[in-house]
Amino acid sequence: MIKWIAYACFLGSFLAFGLGTLGLFRFPDSYTRMHAVGMGDTLGVGLAVLGLLFLSPGWSVRIKLIVIMLLFWLINTTMTHLVAKAGLIHGVQPTKETKLRKG
């Protein structure tokens, strides 16, 4: 039963990465593309690590997987924010359909 839960997590991870890649090709500007890829990567890595946690043999491996996941979540969101901020500072304009929030 545990293997099937892990396989479902891997399938969800594959779908999250696939939808993020689809967003990369379908969205109109760099900001929405970056958002799609960032969200797809974050969910995809989270589900992949969750599947690996179900299949891992011991606690030492589980702790390492959790540390890797937390570091990825921290670094991925920070770098996505920094790249988007650098784009705004250097004048990369979103399309007219993209709605920006002030702040």
Protein backbone atom coordinates (compact mmCIF):
# COMPACT_ATOMS: atom_id res chain seq x y z
CA MET A 1 0.00 0.00 0.00
CA ILE A 2 2.86 2.36 0.82
CA LYS A 3 4.35 1.79 -2.63
CA TRP A 4 1.11 2.85 -4.31
CA ILE A 5 0.99 6.06 -2.27
CA ALA A 6 4.59 6.76 -3.28
CA TYR A 7 3.75 6.05 -6.93
CA ALA A 8 0.80 8.46 -6.70
CA CYS A 9 3.16 11.11 -5.33
CA PHE A 10 5.56 10.49 -8.22
CA LEU A 11 2.70 10.78 -10.71
CA GLY A 12 1.59 14.05 -9.11
CA SER A 13 5.17 15.28 -9.28
CA PHE A 14 5.35 14.41 -12.97
CA LEU A 15 2.08 16.26 -13.61
CA ALA A 16 3.25 19.33 -11.65
CA PHE A 17 6.49 19.50 -13.63
CA GLY A 18 4.56 18.98 -16.86
CA LEU A 19 2.06 21.73 -16.11
CA GLY A 20 4.90 24.08 -15.15
CA THR A 21 6.58 23.34 -18.47
CA LEU A 22 3.30 23.90 -20.30
CA GLY A 23 2.97 27.27 -18.56
CA LEU A 24 6.50 28.12 -19.66
CA PHE A 25 5.46 27.77 -23.30
CA ARG A 26 1.90 29.09 -23.09
CA PHE A 27 1.99 32.20 -20.90
CA PRO A 28 2.52 35.59 -22.55
CA ASP A 29 5.35 37.23 -20.61
CA SER A 30 8.38 36.39 -18.52
CA TYR A 31 6.70 37.09 -15.17
CA THR A 32 3.79 34.72 -15.64
CA ARG A 33 6.15 32.12 -17.10
CA MET A 34 8.42 32.45 -14.11
CA HIS A 35 5.45 32.06 -11.78
CA ALA A 36 4.26 28.91 -13.55
CA VAL A 37 7.68 27.29 -13.51
CA GLY A 38 8.33 28.28 -9.90
CA MET A 39 5.02 26.86 -8.70
CA GLY A 40 5.41 23.71 -10.79
CA ASP A 41 8.93 23.10 -9.51
CA THR A 42 7.98 23.70 -5.90
CA LEU A 43 5.01 21.33 -6.01
CA GLY A 44 6.88 18.80 -8.15
CA VAL A 45 9.88 18.59 -5.85
CA GLY A 46 7.63 18.46 -2.79
CA LEU A 47 5.64 15.53 -4.16
CA ALA A 48 8.77 13.72 -5.39
CA VAL A 49 10.42 14.03 -1.99
CA LEU A 50 7.19 12.91 -0.30
CA GLY A 51 7.19 9.81 -2.50
CA LEU A 52 10.82 9.16 -1.65
CA LEU A 53 10.03 9.59 2.05
CA PHE A 54 7.49 6.78 1.79
CA LEU A 55 10.09 4.51 0.17
CA SER A 56 13.13 5.47 2.26
CA PRO A 57 14.63 2.75 4.46
CA GLY A 58 15.62 4.72 7.56
CA TRP A 59 15.40 7.96 9.48
CA SER A 60 18.80 9.26 8.38
CA VAL A 61 17.69 9.20 4.75
CA ARG A 62 14.35 10.81 5.63
CA ILE A 63 16.02 13.66 7.50
CA LYS A 64 18.34 14.31 4.55
CA LEU A 65 15.39 14.33 2.15
CA ILE A 66 13.48 16.79 4.33
CA VAL A 67 16.53 19.08 4.53
CA ILE A 68 16.94 18.95 0.75
CA MET A 69 13.25 19.76 0.26
CA LEU A 70 13.33 22.69 2.70
CA LEU A 71 16.47 24.11 1.09
CA PHE A 72 14.96 23.78 -2.37
CA TRP A 73 11.76 25.52 -1.27
CA LEU A 74 13.73 28.34 0.31
CA ILE A 75 16.16 28.82 -2.59
CA ASN A 76 13.59 28.37 -5.39
CA THR A 77 11.15 30.97 -4.09
CA THR A 78 13.91 33.43 -3.22
CA MET A 79 15.59 33.18 -6.63
CA THR A 80 12.29 33.48 -8.50
CA HIS A 81 11.51 36.64 -6.55
CA LEU A 82 14.98 38.08 -7.17
CA VAL A 83 14.88 37.39 -10.91
CA ALA A 84 11.42 38.98 -11.20
CA LYS A 85 12.56 42.01 -9.18
CA ALA A 86 15.66 42.39 -11.37
CA GLY A 87 13.45 42.25 -14.46
CA LEU A 88 11.27 45.03 -13.11
CA ILE A 89 14.27 47.16 -12.15
CA HIS A 90 15.81 46.77 -15.62
CA GLY A 91 12.60 47.66 -17.41
CA VAL A 92 11.20 44.33 -18.57
CA GLN A 93 7.51 45.16 -18.97
CA PRO A 94 4.72 42.62 -18.58
CA THR A 95 2.02 42.36 -21.22
CA LYS A 96 -1.14 44.42 -20.90
CA GLU A 97 -3.15 41.33 -19.89
CA THR A 98 -0.96 40.77 -16.82
CA LYS A 99 -2.35 42.45 -13.71
CA LEU A 100 0.23 43.81 -11.29
CA ARG A 101 -0.36 44.48 -7.62
CA LYS A 102 1.33 47.42 -5.96
CA GLY A 103 3.61 46.61 -3.07
